[in-house]
């Protein structure tokens, strides 16, 4: 498989010592050898010093582990989840993953990619569940039998961001107006994800709503349109470096804002609604799905009252705003 999964590696060092003693004895030497044998045979070995206790990053000592005897413990089962980059880049999965692992005594492997790639992983059975944000692609995934059901669990909004000077003059416009200005004015580069992600799909939807054919009028329109081919975080960094414009989810923009010379230009418009869904891979269609029952547990976990509360609170202390709004199976409309 082409992914990097988390593996816990335990290193054990064994020391082996050996002595080789050769004694050539005859006559009196044999007596001397016997005396030496008796002398060293009665000697007691010097006890090895006790190992120093491990110290954690907080400075508190941790007791030395008690040796375990008998058969080794069986490895915990694994659940593989493909997720969109925005859920990963914001740190939400790093926050939720250990809670799920402890609750179900399982190892979770999070593979992050654009929504299009995550859906392909699901079709191939490389993962057991997907968490993505492209409604049309998700509905097709379920309709074609690859997924059990599309279950929304959180939402936020997309933004169009750009340099503080706003050379194109799009601030405060509607998304459609802003894209028309960017296309016709030639004042400022547009940095696209260009990776078939959920964000890229939404960008194409805005171009269409603005009256353009994406493939013929935008993608090949000239040097002002740049395809990054990267995740949301790196795309934002590129837009900042080039002082260009891009479309981004608000959660990733908020988490990267301190690294960017970009500001929010366009925030309002129903086309900017961004819904995240979880879908368990259907084992009847995708026979290589390894853990369908645990995939259903992930759906129940993300929509449970306890986790919905945590999702709604995530990031508020650091950013002063919600990065995600929980919606527990309901389809938000704005």
C-alpha atoms as a PDB file:
ATOM      1  CA  UNK A   1       0.000   0.000   0.000  1.00  0.00           C
ATOM      2  CA  UNK A   2       1.165   3.565  -0.729  1.00  0.00           C
ATOM      3  CA  UNK A   3       0.484   5.079   2.624  1.00  0.00           C
ATOM      4  CA  UNK A   4       2.497   5.786   5.746  1.00  0.00           C
ATOM      5  CA  UNK A   5       0.722   4.210   8.676  1.00  0.00           C
ATOM      6  CA  UNK A   6       1.635   4.833  12.311  1.00  0.00           C
ATOM      7  CA  UNK A   7       3.606   1.876  13.755  1.00  0.00           C
ATOM      8  CA  UNK A   8       4.871   1.674  17.313  1.00  0.00           C
ATOM      9  CA  UNK A   9       8.477   0.491  17.286  1.00  0.00           C
ATOM     10  CA  UNK A  10      10.017  -1.074  20.390  1.00  0.00           C
ATOM     11  CA  UNK A  11      13.774  -1.440  20.550  1.00  0.00           C
ATOM     12  CA  UNK A  12      15.344  -4.004  22.792  1.00  0.00           C
ATOM     13  CA  UNK A  13      19.090  -4.183  23.348  1.00  0.00           C
ATOM     14  CA  UNK A  14      20.607  -7.493  24.468  1.00  0.00           C
ATOM     15  CA  UNK A  15      24.125  -7.686  25.722  1.00  0.00           C
ATOM     16  CA  UNK A  16      25.989 -10.910  25.477  1.00  0.00           C
ATOM     17  CA  UNK A  17      29.300 -11.536  27.257  1.00  0.00           C
ATOM     18  CA  UNK A  18      31.476 -14.562  27.012  1.00  0.00           C
ATOM     19  CA  UNK A  19      34.604 -15.825  28.658  1.00  0.00           C
ATOM     20  CA  UNK A  20      37.028 -18.310  27.341  1.00  0.00           C
ATOM     21  CA  UNK A  21      39.584 -19.687  29.727  1.00  0.00           C
ATOM     22  CA  UNK A  22      42.217 -22.095  28.666  1.00  0.00           C
ATOM     23  CA  UNK A  23      44.433 -23.670  31.331  1.00  0.00           C
ATOM     24  CA  UNK A  24      47.274 -25.904  30.583  1.00  0.00           C
ATOM     25  CA  UNK A  25      48.037 -27.733  33.835  1.00  0.00           C
ATOM     26  CA  UNK A  26      50.286 -30.539  34.886  1.00  0.00           C
ATOM     27  CA  UNK A  27      51.681 -31.556  38.256  1.00  0.00           C
ATOM     28  CA  UNK A  28      51.547 -28.665  40.723  1.00  0.00           C
ATOM     29  CA  UNK A  29      49.621 -26.524  38.209  1.00  0.00           C
ATOM     30  CA  UNK A  30      46.673 -28.914  38.496  1.00  0.00           C
ATOM     31  CA  UNK A  31      46.528 -28.289  42.256  1.00  0.00           C
ATOM     32  CA  UNK A  32      46.703 -24.550  41.720  1.00  0.00           C
ATOM     33  CA  UNK A  33      43.864 -24.780  39.174  1.00  0.00           C
ATOM     34  CA  UNK A  34      41.700 -26.644  41.679  1.00  0.00           C
ATOM     35  CA  UNK A  35      42.328 -24.000  44.360  1.00  0.00           C
ATOM     36  CA  UNK A  36      41.437 -21.223  41.900  1.00  0.00           C
ATOM     37  CA  UNK A  37      38.263 -23.062  40.885  1.00  0.00           C
ATOM     38  CA  UNK A  38      37.153 -23.362  44.509  1.00  0.00           C
ATOM     39  CA  UNK A  39      37.974 -19.728  45.190  1.00  0.00           C
ATOM     40  CA  UNK A  40      36.048 -18.287  42.216  1.00  0.00           C
ATOM     41  CA  UNK A  41      33.234 -20.788  42.560  1.00  0.00           C
ATOM     42  CA  UNK A  42      32.412 -19.409  46.012  1.00  0.00           C
ATOM     43  CA  UNK A  43      32.607 -15.771  44.954  1.00  0.00           C
ATOM     44  CA  UNK A  44      29.316 -13.877  44.719  1.00  0.00           C
ATOM     45  CA  UNK A  45      28.671 -11.807  41.560  1.00  0.00           C
ATOM     46  CA  UNK A  46      28.395  -8.073  42.016  1.00  0.00           C
ATOM     47  CA  UNK A  47      24.726  -7.065  41.628  1.00  0.00           C
ATOM     48  CA  UNK A  48      23.941  -4.820  38.641  1.00  0.00           C
ATOM     49  CA  UNK A  49      22.904  -1.286  39.573  1.00  0.00           C
ATOM     50  CA  UNK A  50      19.152  -0.641  39.472  1.00  0.00           C
ATOM     51  CA  UNK A  51      18.116   1.195  36.338  1.00  0.00           C
ATOM     52  CA  UNK A  52      17.324   4.863  36.785  1.00  0.00           C
ATOM     53  CA  UNK A  53      13.602   5.617  36.538  1.00  0.00           C
ATOM     54  CA  UNK A  54      12.431   7.153  33.294  1.00  0.00           C
ATOM     55  CA  UNK A  55      11.525  10.826  33.452  1.00  0.00           C
ATOM     56  CA  UNK A  56       8.643  12.325  31.543  1.00  0.00           C
ATOM     57  CA  UNK A  57       8.610  15.732  29.898  1.00  0.00           C
ATOM     58  CA  UNK A  58       6.941  17.086  33.043  1.00  0.00           C
ATOM     59  CA  UNK A  59       9.880  15.972  35.154  1.00  0.00           C
ATOM     60  CA  UNK A  60       7.957  13.394  37.186  1.00  0.00           C
ATOM     61  CA  UNK A  61       9.599   9.953  37.389  1.00  0.00           C
ATOM     62  CA  UNK A  62       7.796   6.993  35.930  1.00  0.00           C
ATOM     63  CA  UNK A  63       8.199   3.615  37.704  1.00  0.00           C
ATOM     64  CA  UNK A  64      10.195   1.011  35.809  1.00  0.00           C
ATOM     65  CA  UNK A  65       7.868  -1.404  34.023  1.00  0.00           C
ATOM     66  CA  UNK A  66       7.281  -4.803  35.575  1.00  0.00           C
ATOM     67  CA  UNK A  67       8.676  -7.579  33.371  1.00  0.00           C
ATOM     68  CA  UNK A  68       5.921  -9.417  31.539  1.00  0.00           C
ATOM     69  CA  UNK A  69       6.100 -13.176  31.366  1.00  0.00           C
ATOM     70  CA  UNK A  70       4.200 -15.575  29.201  1.00  0.00           C
ATOM     71  CA  UNK A  71       2.879 -15.127  25.680  1.00  0.00           C
ATOM     72  CA  UNK A  72       3.106 -11.617  24.150  1.00  0.00           C
ATOM     73  CA  UNK A  73      -0.093  -9.577  23.918  1.00  0.00           C
ATOM     74  CA  UNK A  74      -1.898  -9.745  20.591  1.00  0.00           C
ATOM     75  CA  UNK A  75      -1.726  -6.526  18.550  1.00  0.00           C
ATOM     76  CA  UNK A  76      -4.814  -4.326  18.656  1.00  0.00           C
ATOM     77  CA  UNK A  77      -7.074  -4.309  15.593  1.00  0.00           C
ATOM     78  CA  UNK A  78      -6.812  -1.345  13.203  1.00  0.00           C
ATOM     79  CA  UNK A  79      -9.273   1.038  11.575  1.00  0.00           C
ATOM     80  CA  UNK A  80      -8.207   2.926   8.444  1.00  0.00           C
ATOM     81  CA  UNK A  81      -9.815   6.309   7.779  1.00  0.00           C
ATOM     82  CA  UNK A  82      -9.175   8.549   4.760  1.00  0.00           C
ATOM     83  CA  UNK A  83      -9.798  12.203   5.536  1.00  0.00           C
ATOM     84  CA  UNK A  84      -9.721  15.518   3.749  1.00  0.00           C
ATOM     85  CA  UNK A  85      -6.691  17.697   4.408  1.00  0.00           C
ATOM     86  CA  UNK A  86      -8.660  20.440   6.150  1.00  0.00           C
ATOM     87  CA  UNK A  87      -9.786  18.100   8.941  1.00  0.00           C
ATOM     88  CA  UNK A  88      -6.175  16.984   9.330  1.00  0.00           C
ATOM     89  CA  UNK A  89      -4.379  20.330   8.954  1.00  0.00           C
ATOM     90  CA  UNK A  90      -6.513  21.949  11.637  1.00  0.00           C
ATOM     91  CA  UNK A  91      -5.502  19.250  14.129  1.00  0.00           C
ATOM     92  CA  UNK A  92      -9.059  17.979  14.657  1.00  0.00           C
ATOM     93  CA  UNK A  93      -8.085  14.375  13.976  1.00  0.00           C
ATOM     94  CA  UNK A  94      -5.120  14.574  16.334  1.00  0.00           C
ATOM     95  CA  UNK A  95      -7.636  15.671  18.964  1.00  0.00           C
ATOM     96  CA  UNK A  96     -10.298  13.025  18.312  1.00  0.00           C
ATOM     97  CA  UNK A  97      -8.191  10.017  17.326  1.00  0.00           C
ATOM     98  CA  UNK A  98      -6.871   9.057  20.813  1.00  0.00           C
ATOM     99  CA  UNK A  99     -10.385   9.365  22.270  1.00  0.00           C
ATOM    100  CA  UNK A 100     -11.727   6.850  19.759  1.00  0.00           C
ATOM    101  CA  UNK A 101      -8.737   4.538  20.213  1.00  0.00           C
ATOM    102  CA  UNK A 102      -9.207   4.432  23.978  1.00  0.00           C
ATOM    103  CA  UNK A 103     -12.968   3.969  23.754  1.00  0.00           C
ATOM    104  CA  UNK A 104     -12.777   1.024  21.344  1.00  0.00           C
ATOM    105  CA  UNK A 105      -9.315  -0.379  22.151  1.00  0.00           C
ATOM    106  CA  UNK A 106      -8.156  -0.020  18.568  1.00  0.00           C
ATOM    107  CA  UNK A 107      -5.431   1.621  16.507  1.00  0.00           C
ATOM    108  CA  UNK A 108      -6.649   4.235  14.021  1.00  0.00           C
ATOM    109  CA  UNK A 109      -4.656   4.981  10.865  1.00  0.00           C
ATOM    110  CA  UNK A 110      -5.533   8.412   9.465  1.00  0.00           C
ATOM    111  CA  UNK A 111      -4.641   8.911   5.798  1.00  0.00           C
ATOM    112  CA  UNK A 112      -5.148  12.490   4.656  1.00  0.00           C
ATOM    113  CA  UNK A 113      -5.602  13.562   1.057  1.00  0.00           C
ATOM    114  CA  UNK A 114      -7.959  15.573  -1.088  1.00  0.00           C
ATOM    115  CA  UNK A 115     -11.569  14.396  -1.115  1.00  0.00           C
ATOM    116  CA  UNK A 116     -11.238  12.911  -4.616  1.00  0.00           C
ATOM    117  CA  UNK A 117      -8.299  10.742  -3.584  1.00  0.00           C
ATOM    118  CA  UNK A 118      -9.955   9.790  -0.283  1.00  0.00           C
ATOM    119  CA  UNK A 119     -13.006   8.568  -2.194  1.00  0.00           C
ATOM    120  CA  UNK A 120     -10.790   6.497  -4.499  1.00  0.00           C
ATOM    121  CA  UNK A 121      -9.186   4.915  -1.438  1.00  0.00           C
ATOM    122  CA  UNK A 122     -12.675   3.964  -0.279  1.00  0.00           C
ATOM    123  CA  UNK A 123     -13.599   2.462  -3.644  1.00  0.00           C
ATOM    124  CA  UNK A 124     -10.459   0.314  -3.635  1.00  0.00           C
ATOM    125  CA  UNK A 125     -11.007  -0.850  -0.062  1.00  0.00           C
ATOM    126  CA  UNK A 126      -7.752   0.702   1.114  1.00  0.00           C
ATOM    127  CA  UNK A 127      -9.692   2.296   3.986  1.00  0.00           C
ATOM    128  CA  UNK A 128     -12.740   1.390   6.058  1.00  0.00           C
ATOM    129  CA  UNK A 129     -14.311   4.864   6.281  1.00  0.00           C
ATOM    130  CA  UNK A 130     -13.932   8.299   4.729  1.00  0.00           C
ATOM    131  CA  UNK A 131     -14.543  11.804   6.128  1.00  0.00           C
ATOM    132  CA  UNK A 132     -14.825  14.271   3.237  1.00  0.00           C
ATOM    133  CA  UNK A 133     -16.616  17.426   2.007  1.00  0.00           C
ATOM    134  CA  UNK A 134     -17.950  17.145  -1.534  1.00  0.00           C
ATOM    135  CA  UNK A 135     -21.692  16.413  -1.405  1.00  0.00           C
ATOM    136  CA  UNK A 136     -22.117  15.469  -5.069  1.00  0.00           C
ATOM    137  CA  UNK A 137     -19.147  13.070  -5.018  1.00  0.00           C
ATOM    138  CA  UNK A 138     -20.279  11.604  -1.694  1.00  0.00           C
ATOM    139  CA  UNK A 139     -23.806  10.954  -2.948  1.00  0.00           C
ATOM    140  CA  UNK A 140     -22.404   9.237  -6.053  1.00  0.00           C
ATOM    141  CA  UNK A 141     -20.114   7.120  -3.835  1.00  0.00           C
ATOM    142  CA  UNK A 142     -23.132   5.878  -1.865  1.00  0.00           C
ATOM    143  CA  UNK A 143     -25.455   5.568  -4.892  1.00  0.00           C
ATOM    144  CA  UNK A 144     -22.928   3.340  -6.668  1.00  0.00           C
ATOM    145  CA  UNK A 145     -22.775   1.037  -3.656  1.00  0.00           C
ATOM    146  CA  UNK A 146     -19.324   1.904  -2.337  1.00  0.00           C
ATOM    147  CA  UNK A 147     -20.573   3.585   0.829  1.00  0.00           C
ATOM    148  CA  UNK A 148     -23.218   2.582   3.364  1.00  0.00           C
ATOM    149  CA  UNK A 149     -24.657   6.061   3.983  1.00  0.00           C
ATOM    150  CA  UNK A 150     -23.587   9.702   3.859  1.00  0.00           C
ATOM    151  CA  UNK A 151     -23.780  11.136   7.397  1.00  0.00           C
ATOM    152  CA  UNK A 152     -23.003  14.854   7.889  1.00  0.00           C
ATOM    153  CA  UNK A 153     -21.311  15.558  11.225  1.00  0.00           C
ATOM    154  CA  UNK A 154     -19.958  19.146  11.004  1.00  0.00           C
ATOM    155  CA  UNK A 155     -19.840  22.200   8.786  1.00  0.00           C
ATOM    156  CA  UNK A 156     -18.189  25.567   8.339  1.00  0.00           C
ATOM    157  CA  UNK A 157     -17.758  27.916   5.372  1.00  0.00           C
ATOM    158  CA  UNK A 158     -15.357  28.642   2.570  1.00  0.00           C
ATOM    159  CA  UNK A 159     -13.706  32.025   2.198  1.00  0.00           C
ATOM    160  CA  UNK A 160     -12.053  33.820  -0.690  1.00  0.00           C
ATOM    161  CA  UNK A 161      -8.848  35.314   0.693  1.00  0.00           C
ATOM    162  CA  UNK A 162      -6.227  37.609  -0.784  1.00  0.00           C
ATOM    163  CA  UNK A 163      -3.483  40.147  -0.058  1.00  0.00           C
ATOM    164  CA  UNK A 164      -4.379  43.038   2.278  1.00  0.00           C
ATOM    165  CA  UNK A 165      -3.922  45.577  -0.567  1.00  0.00           C
ATOM    166  CA  UNK A 166      -6.632  43.724  -2.568  1.00  0.00           C
ATOM    167  CA  UNK A 167      -5.350  44.822  -6.010  1.00  0.00           C
ATOM    168  CA  UNK A 168      -8.362  43.224  -7.770  1.00  0.00           C
ATOM    169  CA  UNK A 169     -10.877  45.002  -5.532  1.00  0.00           C
ATOM    170  CA  UNK A 170     -13.028  41.995  -4.606  1.00  0.00           C
ATOM    171  CA  UNK A 171     -13.510  42.659  -0.891  1.00  0.00           C
ATOM    172  CA  UNK A 172     -17.156  42.488   0.146  1.00  0.00           C
ATOM    173  CA  UNK A 173     -18.375  41.179  -3.225  1.00  0.00           C
ATOM    174  CA  UNK A 174     -20.422  38.028  -3.700  1.00  0.00           C
ATOM    175  CA  UNK A 175     -18.384  34.914  -4.563  1.00  0.00           C
ATOM    176  CA  UNK A 176     -19.607  35.030  -8.169  1.00  0.00           C
ATOM    177  CA  UNK A 177     -18.805  38.725  -8.546  1.00  0.00           C
ATOM    178  CA  UNK A 178     -15.364  38.228  -7.026  1.00  0.00           C
ATOM    179  CA  UNK A 179     -14.475  35.437  -9.444  1.00  0.00           C
ATOM    180  CA  UNK A 180     -15.633  37.494 -12.435  1.00  0.00           C
ATOM    181  CA  UNK A 181     -13.422  40.378 -11.331  1.00  0.00           C
ATOM    182  CA  UNK A 182     -10.433  38.084 -10.835  1.00  0.00           C
ATOM    183  CA  UNK A 183     -10.908  36.607 -14.305  1.00  0.00           C
ATOM    184  CA  UNK A 184     -11.460  39.884 -16.176  1.00  0.00           C
ATOM    185  CA  UNK A 185      -9.205  42.340 -14.333  1.00  0.00           C
ATOM    186  CA  UNK A 186      -5.959  40.404 -14.430  1.00  0.00           C
ATOM    187  CA  UNK A 187      -5.024  42.112 -11.164  1.00  0.00           C
ATOM    188  CA  UNK A 188      -3.656  39.336  -9.022  1.00  0.00           C
ATOM    189  CA  UNK A 189      -2.911  35.647  -9.397  1.00  0.00           C
ATOM    190  CA  UNK A 190      -5.372  32.978  -8.342  1.00  0.00           C
ATOM    191  CA  UNK A 191      -3.859  29.948  -6.597  1.00  0.00           C
ATOM    192  CA  UNK A 192      -6.017  26.837  -7.038  1.00  0.00           C
ATOM    193  CA  UNK A 193      -5.732  23.597  -5.088  1.00  0.00           C
ATOM    194  CA  UNK A 194      -5.862  21.866  -8.480  1.00  0.00           C
ATOM    195  CA  UNK A 195      -6.059  18.452  -6.803  1.00  0.00           C
ATOM    196  CA  UNK A 196      -9.679  17.292  -7.199  1.00  0.00           C
ATOM    197  CA  UNK A 197     -10.256  17.966  -3.501  1.00  0.00           C
ATOM    198  CA  UNK A 198     -13.529  19.137  -1.981  1.00  0.00           C
ATOM    199  CA  UNK A 199     -12.181  22.687  -1.979  1.00  0.00           C
ATOM    200  CA  UNK A 200     -11.158  22.388  -5.632  1.00  0.00           C
ATOM    201  CA  UNK A 201     -14.639  21.079  -6.500  1.00  0.00           C
ATOM    202  CA  UNK A 202     -16.196  24.065  -4.752  1.00  0.00           C
ATOM    203  CA  UNK A 203     -13.900  26.445  -6.620  1.00  0.00           C
ATOM    204  CA  UNK A 204     -15.051  24.918  -9.918  1.00  0.00           C
ATOM    205  CA  UNK A 205     -18.673  25.297  -8.805  1.00  0.00           C
ATOM    206  CA  UNK A 206     -18.117  29.014  -8.183  1.00  0.00           C
ATOM    207  CA  UNK A 207     -16.526  29.451 -11.611  1.00  0.00           C
ATOM    208  CA  UNK A 208     -19.544  27.732 -13.168  1.00  0.00           C
ATOM    209  CA  UNK A 209     -21.962  29.914 -11.196  1.00  0.00           C
ATOM    210  CA  UNK A 210     -19.984  32.930 -12.411  1.00  0.00           C
ATOM    211  CA  UNK A 211     -20.660  31.958 -16.030  1.00  0.00           C
ATOM    212  CA  UNK A 212     -17.384  30.281 -17.009  1.00  0.00           C
ATOM    213  CA  UNK A 213     -16.447  26.856 -18.312  1.00  0.00           C
ATOM    214  CA  UNK A 214     -13.673  25.776 -15.986  1.00  0.00           C
ATOM    215  CA  UNK A 215     -11.665  23.605 -18.373  1.00  0.00           C
ATOM    216  CA  UNK A 216     -11.649  25.923 -21.389  1.00  0.00           C
ATOM    217  CA  UNK A 217     -11.949  29.403 -19.888  1.00  0.00           C
ATOM    218  CA  UNK A 218     -10.219  29.179 -16.520  1.00  0.00           C
ATOM    219  CA  UNK A 219      -7.781  26.322 -16.217  1.00  0.00           C
ATOM    220  CA  UNK A 220      -6.006  27.287 -19.457  1.00  0.00           C
ATOM    221  CA  UNK A 221      -6.562  31.016 -19.140  1.00  0.00           C
ATOM    222  CA  UNK A 222      -2.959  32.032 -18.585  1.00  0.00           C
ATOM    223  CA  UNK A 223      -0.202  32.585 -16.066  1.00  0.00           C
ATOM    224  CA  UNK A 224      -2.515  34.309 -13.572  1.00  0.00           C
ATOM    225  CA  UNK A 225      -4.177  30.952 -12.790  1.00  0.00           C
ATOM    226  CA  UNK A 226      -1.824  28.663 -10.850  1.00  0.00           C
ATOM    227  CA  UNK A 227      -2.562  25.060  -9.839  1.00  0.00           C
ATOM    228  CA  UNK A 228      -0.732  24.248  -6.621  1.00  0.00           C
ATOM    229  CA  UNK A 229      -1.559  20.537  -6.613  1.00  0.00           C
ATOM    230  CA  UNK A 230      -1.210  20.588  -2.827  1.00  0.00           C
ATOM    231  CA  UNK A 231      -3.238  20.481   0.370  1.00  0.00           C
ATOM    232  CA  UNK A 232      -4.997  23.527   1.816  1.00  0.00           C
ATOM    233  CA  UNK A 233      -2.206  24.590   4.151  1.00  0.00           C
ATOM    234  CA  UNK A 234       0.553  24.590   1.496  1.00  0.00           C
ATOM    235  CA  UNK A 235      -1.800  26.281  -0.987  1.00  0.00           C
ATOM    236  CA  UNK A 236      -2.432  29.114   1.470  1.00  0.00           C
ATOM    237  CA  UNK A 237       1.294  29.510   2.022  1.00  0.00           C
ATOM    238  CA  UNK A 238       1.849  29.704  -1.749  1.00  0.00           C
ATOM    239  CA  UNK A 239      -0.900  32.301  -2.144  1.00  0.00           C
ATOM    240  CA  UNK A 240       0.655  34.332   0.652  1.00  0.00           C
ATOM    241  CA  UNK A 241       4.111  34.130  -0.907  1.00  0.00           C
ATOM    242  CA  UNK A 242       2.809  35.193  -4.321  1.00  0.00           C
ATOM    243  CA  UNK A 243       0.354  37.731  -2.861  1.00  0.00           C
ATOM    244  CA  UNK A 244      -2.441  36.100  -4.788  1.00  0.00           C
ATOM    245  CA  UNK A 245      -6.017  34.994  -4.107  1.00  0.00           C
ATOM    246  CA  UNK A 246      -7.434  31.578  -3.263  1.00  0.00           C
ATOM    247  CA  UNK A 247     -10.511  29.850  -1.857  1.00  0.00           C
ATOM    248  CA  UNK A 248     -10.136  28.066   1.477  1.00  0.00           C
ATOM    249  CA  UNK A 249     -12.168  26.600   4.288  1.00  0.00           C
ATOM    250  CA  UNK A 250     -12.332  28.959   7.267  1.00  0.00           C
ATOM    251  CA  UNK A 251     -10.918  26.384   9.703  1.00  0.00           C
ATOM    252  CA  UNK A 252      -7.615  25.890   7.877  1.00  0.00           C
ATOM    253  CA  UNK A 253      -7.325  29.634   7.205  1.00  0.00           C
ATOM    254  CA  UNK A 254      -7.799  30.375  10.914  1.00  0.00           C
ATOM    255  CA  UNK A 255      -5.197  27.809  11.968  1.00  0.00           C
ATOM    256  CA  UNK A 256      -2.644  29.132   9.435  1.00  0.00           C
ATOM    257  CA  UNK A 257      -3.467  32.828   9.744  1.00  0.00           C
ATOM    258  CA  UNK A 258      -0.405  33.665  11.828  1.00  0.00           C
ATOM    259  CA  UNK A 259       1.829  32.435   8.991  1.00  0.00           C
ATOM    260  CA  UNK A 260       0.024  34.292   6.202  1.00  0.00           C
ATOM    261  CA  UNK A 261       0.021  37.753   4.680  1.00  0.00           C
ATOM    262  CA  UNK A 262      -3.582  37.225   3.556  1.00  0.00           C
ATOM    263  CA  UNK A 263      -6.976  38.520   4.661  1.00  0.00           C
ATOM    264  CA  UNK A 264     -10.543  37.355   4.207  1.00  0.00           C
ATOM    265  CA  UNK A 265     -12.095  39.126   1.229  1.00  0.00           C
ATOM    266  CA  UNK A 266     -15.396  37.295   0.609  1.00  0.00           C
ATOM    267  CA  UNK A 267     -17.296  35.465   3.355  1.00  0.00           C
ATOM    268  CA  UNK A 268     -21.003  35.492   2.448  1.00  0.00           C
ATOM    269  CA  UNK A 269     -22.923  33.405  -0.049  1.00  0.00           C
ATOM    270  CA  UNK A 270     -24.794  30.094   0.122  1.00  0.00           C
ATOM    271  CA  UNK A 271     -22.325  28.574  -2.343  1.00  0.00           C
ATOM    272  CA  UNK A 272     -19.623  28.868   0.358  1.00  0.00           C
ATOM    273  CA  UNK A 273     -21.335  26.405   2.750  1.00  0.00           C
ATOM    274  CA  UNK A 274     -18.902  23.564   3.562  1.00  0.00           C
ATOM    275  CA  UNK A 275     -20.337  20.326   5.009  1.00  0.00           C
ATOM    276  CA  UNK A 276     -18.212  17.423   6.284  1.00  0.00           C
ATOM    277  CA  UNK A 277     -19.621  13.880   6.171  1.00  0.00           C
ATOM    278  CA  UNK A 278     -18.499  10.459   7.354  1.00  0.00           C
ATOM    279  CA  UNK A 279     -19.199   7.389   5.222  1.00  0.00           C
ATOM    280  CA  UNK A 280     -18.520   3.774   6.163  1.00  0.00           C
ATOM    281  CA  UNK A 281     -17.266   1.721   3.216  1.00  0.00           C
ATOM    282  CA  UNK A 282     -19.815  -0.912   2.153  1.00  0.00           C
ATOM    283  CA  UNK A 283     -18.261  -4.411   2.628  1.00  0.00           C
ATOM    284  CA  UNK A 284     -20.851  -5.971   0.299  1.00  0.00           C
ATOM    285  CA  UNK A 285     -19.487  -3.907  -2.599  1.00  0.00           C
ATOM    286  CA  UNK A 286     -15.895  -3.462  -1.444  1.00  0.00           C
ATOM    287  CA  UNK A 287     -14.891  -6.903  -0.216  1.00  0.00           C
ATOM    288  CA  UNK A 288     -11.405  -5.784   0.820  1.00  0.00           C
ATOM    289  CA  UNK A 289     -12.792  -3.512   3.552  1.00  0.00           C
ATOM    290  CA  UNK A 290     -11.277  -5.022   6.685  1.00  0.00           C
ATOM    291  CA  UNK A 291     -13.218  -3.583   9.605  1.00  0.00           C
ATOM    292  CA  UNK A 292     -16.787  -2.640   8.625  1.00  0.00           C
ATOM    293  CA  UNK A 293     -18.171  -2.940  12.153  1.00  0.00           C
ATOM    294  CA  UNK A 294     -15.602  -0.526  13.546  1.00  0.00           C
ATOM    295  CA  UNK A 295     -16.282   1.837  10.628  1.00  0.00           C
ATOM    296  CA  UNK A 296     -19.892   2.001  11.804  1.00  0.00           C
ATOM    297  CA  UNK A 297     -18.586   2.728  15.301  1.00  0.00           C
ATOM    298  CA  UNK A 298     -16.709   5.694  13.835  1.00  0.00           C
ATOM    299  CA  UNK A 299     -19.959   7.027  12.341  1.00  0.00           C
ATOM    300  CA  UNK A 300     -21.695   6.677  15.711  1.00  0.00           C
ATOM    301  CA  UNK A 301     -18.695   8.244  17.478  1.00  0.00           C
ATOM    302  CA  UNK A 302     -18.549  11.390  15.307  1.00  0.00           C
ATOM    303  CA  UNK A 303     -22.303  11.986  15.652  1.00  0.00           C
ATOM    304  CA  UNK A 304     -22.562  11.193  19.385  1.00  0.00           C
ATOM    305  CA  UNK A 305     -23.540  14.072  21.739  1.00  0.00           C
ATOM    306  CA  UNK A 306     -20.210  13.886  23.572  1.00  0.00           C
ATOM    307  CA  UNK A 307     -18.054  14.191  20.433  1.00  0.00           C
ATOM    308  CA  UNK A 308     -20.371  16.724  18.805  1.00  0.00           C
ATOM    309  CA  UNK A 309     -19.791  18.937  21.837  1.00  0.00           C
ATOM    310  CA  UNK A 310     -16.022  18.525  21.535  1.00  0.00           C
ATOM    311  CA  UNK A 311     -16.131  19.325  17.803  1.00  0.00           C
ATOM    312  CA  UNK A 312     -18.106  22.492  18.499  1.00  0.00           C
ATOM    313  CA  UNK A 313     -15.624  23.606  21.158  1.00  0.00           C
ATOM    314  CA  UNK A 314     -12.498  22.728  19.198  1.00  0.00           C
ATOM    315  CA  UNK A 315     -10.311  25.764  18.478  1.00  0.00           C
ATOM    316  CA  UNK A 316     -12.485  28.295  20.303  1.00  0.00           C
ATOM    317  CA  UNK A 317      -9.949  28.946  23.067  1.00  0.00           C
ATOM    318  CA  UNK A 318      -7.095  29.480  20.616  1.00  0.00           C
ATOM    319  CA  UNK A 319      -8.858  31.272  17.771  1.00  0.00           C
ATOM    320  CA  UNK A 320     -11.799  32.874  19.537  1.00  0.00           C
ATOM    321  CA  UNK A 321     -14.248  31.210  17.155  1.00  0.00           C
ATOM    322  CA  UNK A 322     -15.614  27.838  16.183  1.00  0.00           C
ATOM    323  CA  UNK A 323     -13.633  26.080  13.511  1.00  0.00           C
ATOM    324  CA  UNK A 324     -16.442  23.574  13.004  1.00  0.00           C
ATOM    325  CA  UNK A 325     -20.150  23.618  13.827  1.00  0.00           C
ATOM    326  CA  UNK A 326     -21.542  20.184  14.761  1.00  0.00           C
ATOM    327  CA  UNK A 327     -24.642  18.995  12.878  1.00  0.00           C
ATOM    328  CA  UNK A 328     -25.028  15.300  13.884  1.00  0.00           C
ATOM    329  CA  UNK A 329     -26.593  13.763  10.801  1.00  0.00           C
ATOM    330  CA  UNK A 330     -28.550  16.834   9.734  1.00  0.00           C
ATOM    331  CA  UNK A 331     -27.918  18.616   6.442  1.00  0.00           C
ATOM    332  CA  UNK A 332     -27.313  22.347   7.110  1.00  0.00           C
ATOM    333  CA  UNK A 333     -28.627  24.784   4.533  1.00  0.00           C
ATOM    334  CA  UNK A 334     -26.634  27.941   5.310  1.00  0.00           C
END
